[in-house]
């Protein structure tokens, strides 16, 4: 079965849910999750600069990350496993400022999202997973930042019951010490 690229725009400007090209046959499947030409034909500019992969255990939350400077638009896909992916609009002049949207990214579905600059991004790992990030800006450690995963103002409804509850959440020290949304506003006022 051959499935062609589909692009579904969301209510957060620039956040696009994408079904990539995928061809299944008796050997398995062949997936093309990025094509500069096809993206541009659909009004999407995403020039790859770097590609990253994360391998994560069930229960890991990779918090609501962003770069303060040289923000990183990214094409995110769960290659293997299942993650609940969250994007928060941090652009102060956006009509969806502070709104979040969640997506189930599933390896077997091959679905992905394009996260625009000015948004925070994170996910909860529902099954051991490998996630790819195809970024159109380089990663700069000195600008790395984020907001706490359980911030009361953003109030993401993470499906933590699917990993056994809050006691089963795995967080890096870095993610335990991120700022609140209120501190983000005090420090930066938004993007």
Protein backbone atom coordinates (compact mmCIF):
# COMPACT_ATOMS: atom_id res chain seq x y z
CA UNK A 1 0.00 0.00 0.00
CA UNK A 2 1.37 3.41 -0.96
CA UNK A 3 0.50 6.45 1.11
CA UNK A 4 1.44 9.91 -0.17
CA UNK A 5 2.38 12.98 1.84
CA UNK A 6 -0.51 14.71 3.60
CA UNK A 7 -0.21 18.02 5.44
CA UNK A 8 -2.75 18.97 8.10
CA UNK A 9 -2.49 22.49 9.47
CA UNK A 10 -3.43 22.99 13.13
CA UNK A 11 -4.84 25.94 15.02
CA UNK A 12 -1.29 26.86 16.12
CA UNK A 13 0.17 28.75 13.15
CA UNK A 14 3.04 26.85 11.57
CA UNK A 15 2.40 23.63 13.53
CA UNK A 16 1.64 21.00 10.92
CA UNK A 17 0.76 17.35 11.36
CA UNK A 18 2.26 15.36 8.50
CA UNK A 19 1.66 11.90 7.11
CA UNK A 20 4.80 11.11 5.11
CA UNK A 21 5.21 9.02 1.98
CA UNK A 22 5.09 5.37 2.94
CA UNK A 23 5.07 2.19 0.86
CA UNK A 24 4.37 -1.18 2.50
CA UNK A 25 5.03 -4.54 0.88
CA UNK A 26 6.00 -8.08 1.89
CA UNK A 27 9.51 -6.90 2.89
CA UNK A 28 8.27 -4.22 5.32
CA UNK A 29 8.04 -0.56 4.41
CA UNK A 30 9.87 2.33 2.80
CA UNK A 31 9.24 5.78 4.33
CA UNK A 32 10.24 9.22 3.06
CA UNK A 33 9.51 11.69 5.87
CA UNK A 34 11.08 14.78 4.31
CA UNK A 35 11.36 16.19 0.81
CA UNK A 36 12.41 19.81 0.42
CA UNK A 37 10.64 19.94 -2.97
CA UNK A 38 7.34 18.46 -1.73
CA UNK A 39 7.36 20.60 1.41
CA UNK A 40 7.95 23.77 -0.65
CA UNK A 41 5.17 22.77 -3.07
CA UNK A 42 2.92 22.78 0.01
CA UNK A 43 4.11 26.20 1.19
CA UNK A 44 6.50 24.87 3.84
CA UNK A 45 10.08 26.10 4.07
CA UNK A 46 12.23 23.74 6.14
CA UNK A 47 15.93 23.67 5.24
CA UNK A 48 17.64 20.88 7.17
CA UNK A 49 20.71 21.87 9.20
CA UNK A 50 21.02 19.02 11.72
CA UNK A 51 19.37 15.69 12.51
CA UNK A 52 19.19 14.19 16.02
CA UNK A 53 17.84 10.95 17.45
CA UNK A 54 16.81 10.19 21.02
CA UNK A 55 16.32 6.74 22.49
CA UNK A 56 14.10 6.82 25.57
CA UNK A 57 12.62 4.38 28.05
CA UNK A 58 8.91 4.13 28.86
CA UNK A 59 8.00 6.85 31.37
CA UNK A 60 10.61 9.39 30.27
CA UNK A 61 9.41 12.96 29.87
CA UNK A 62 11.61 15.18 27.77
CA UNK A 63 10.27 18.49 29.02
CA UNK A 64 9.07 21.57 27.19
CA UNK A 65 12.32 22.61 25.48
CA UNK A 66 13.23 25.54 23.25
CA UNK A 67 16.23 27.69 22.29
CA UNK A 68 16.13 31.26 23.63
CA UNK A 69 18.07 32.49 20.60
CA UNK A 70 18.29 31.04 17.09
CA UNK A 71 15.10 29.09 17.63
CA UNK A 72 14.94 25.64 16.12
CA UNK A 73 12.01 24.70 13.87
CA UNK A 74 11.97 20.91 13.86
CA UNK A 75 10.34 18.01 12.09
CA UNK A 76 9.69 15.39 14.79
CA UNK A 77 8.84 11.73 14.17
CA UNK A 78 8.73 8.69 16.40
CA UNK A 79 10.61 6.12 14.33
CA UNK A 80 10.06 3.28 16.78
CA UNK A 81 7.63 3.06 19.68
CA UNK A 82 5.01 5.57 20.83
CA UNK A 83 5.27 9.04 22.37
CA UNK A 84 2.70 11.63 23.41
CA UNK A 85 4.18 14.77 21.89
CA UNK A 86 3.32 18.29 23.09
CA UNK A 87 3.88 21.69 21.46
CA UNK A 88 3.28 24.97 23.34
CA UNK A 89 2.99 28.29 21.50
CA UNK A 90 5.30 30.81 23.22
CA UNK A 91 4.95 33.60 20.62
CA UNK A 92 3.52 36.57 22.53
CA UNK A 93 1.75 38.06 19.49
CA UNK A 94 0.16 34.77 18.46
CA UNK A 95 -3.60 34.30 18.93
CA UNK A 96 -2.77 30.86 20.39
CA UNK A 97 -0.12 32.13 22.85
CA UNK A 98 0.24 29.68 25.80
CA UNK A 99 -1.96 27.08 24.07
CA UNK A 100 -0.67 23.55 23.73
CA UNK A 101 -1.58 20.73 21.37
CA UNK A 102 -0.77 17.06 21.94
CA UNK A 103 -0.16 14.35 19.34
CA UNK A 104 0.30 10.60 19.48
CA UNK A 105 3.39 9.94 17.39
CA UNK A 106 3.59 6.23 16.68
CA UNK A 107 6.39 4.42 14.88
CA UNK A 108 4.07 2.12 12.97
CA UNK A 109 1.91 5.07 11.80
CA UNK A 110 4.99 7.01 10.55
CA UNK A 111 3.24 10.30 11.44
CA UNK A 112 5.23 13.42 12.31
CA UNK A 113 4.83 17.06 13.24
CA UNK A 114 6.56 20.22 12.10
CA UNK A 115 7.19 22.40 15.16
CA UNK A 116 7.63 26.10 14.29
CA UNK A 117 10.13 28.50 15.85
CA UNK A 118 8.79 30.16 18.97
CA UNK A 119 7.22 27.01 20.38
CA UNK A 120 8.29 24.74 23.22
CA UNK A 121 8.36 21.01 22.55
CA UNK A 122 8.39 17.89 24.69
CA UNK A 123 7.03 14.38 24.96
CA UNK A 124 6.09 11.53 27.27
CA UNK A 125 7.39 8.12 26.19
CA UNK A 126 4.52 5.60 26.28
CA UNK A 127 6.66 2.71 24.94
CA UNK A 128 10.43 2.52 24.59
CA UNK A 129 11.02 4.78 21.60
CA UNK A 130 13.40 6.30 19.11
CA UNK A 131 12.51 9.84 18.02
CA UNK A 132 14.11 11.83 15.20
CA UNK A 133 14.42 15.61 15.04
CA UNK A 134 15.18 17.15 11.66
CA UNK A 135 16.09 20.74 12.55
CA UNK A 136 16.31 23.78 10.30
CA UNK A 137 18.57 25.56 12.81
CA UNK A 138 21.64 24.26 14.59
CA UNK A 139 21.58 23.30 18.24
CA UNK A 140 23.27 25.82 20.56
CA UNK A 141 23.82 24.54 24.10
CA UNK A 142 24.24 28.08 25.46
CA UNK A 143 20.66 28.94 24.37
CA UNK A 144 19.07 25.68 25.54
CA UNK A 145 16.10 26.31 27.85
CA UNK A 146 12.65 25.10 28.74
CA UNK A 147 9.59 25.12 30.95
CA UNK A 148 8.67 22.53 33.57
CA UNK A 149 6.67 19.60 32.22
CA UNK A 150 4.02 19.99 34.95
CA UNK A 151 3.75 23.78 34.89
CA UNK A 152 0.42 24.81 36.45
CA UNK A 153 -0.25 27.67 33.99
CA UNK A 154 0.20 25.64 30.81
CA UNK A 155 -1.45 22.63 32.48
CA UNK A 156 -0.60 19.94 29.93
CA UNK A 157 -2.80 16.88 30.41
CA UNK A 158 -0.08 14.26 30.01
CA UNK A 159 -1.46 10.69 29.82
CA UNK A 160 0.76 9.59 32.72
CA UNK A 161 -1.70 6.86 33.67
CA UNK A 162 -0.45 5.01 30.55
CA UNK A 163 3.01 4.67 32.15
CA UNK A 164 1.78 3.75 35.64
CA UNK A 165 1.27 7.20 37.16
CA UNK A 166 3.43 10.11 38.32
CA UNK A 167 5.70 7.84 40.39
CA UNK A 168 6.90 6.14 37.18
CA UNK A 169 7.96 9.37 35.42
CA UNK A 170 11.68 9.56 34.55
CA UNK A 171 13.17 13.08 34.37
CA UNK A 172 16.70 14.25 33.72
CA UNK A 173 18.13 16.59 36.38
CA UNK A 174 18.09 19.34 33.75
CA UNK A 175 14.34 18.92 33.26
CA UNK A 176 13.64 18.91 37.02
CA UNK A 177 15.17 22.39 37.28
CA UNK A 178 13.52 24.22 34.39
CA UNK A 179 11.59 27.45 34.88
CA UNK A 180 7.85 27.86 35.27
CA UNK A 181 5.79 29.59 32.59
CA UNK A 182 5.47 32.56 34.96
CA UNK A 183 9.28 32.79 35.21
CA UNK A 184 9.55 32.47 31.43
CA UNK A 185 7.25 35.50 31.05
CA UNK A 186 9.23 37.45 33.67
CA UNK A 187 12.53 36.55 31.98
CA UNK A 188 11.60 36.85 28.30
CA UNK A 189 8.01 38.04 27.92
CA UNK A 190 7.53 35.45 25.16
CA UNK A 191 9.11 35.28 21.72
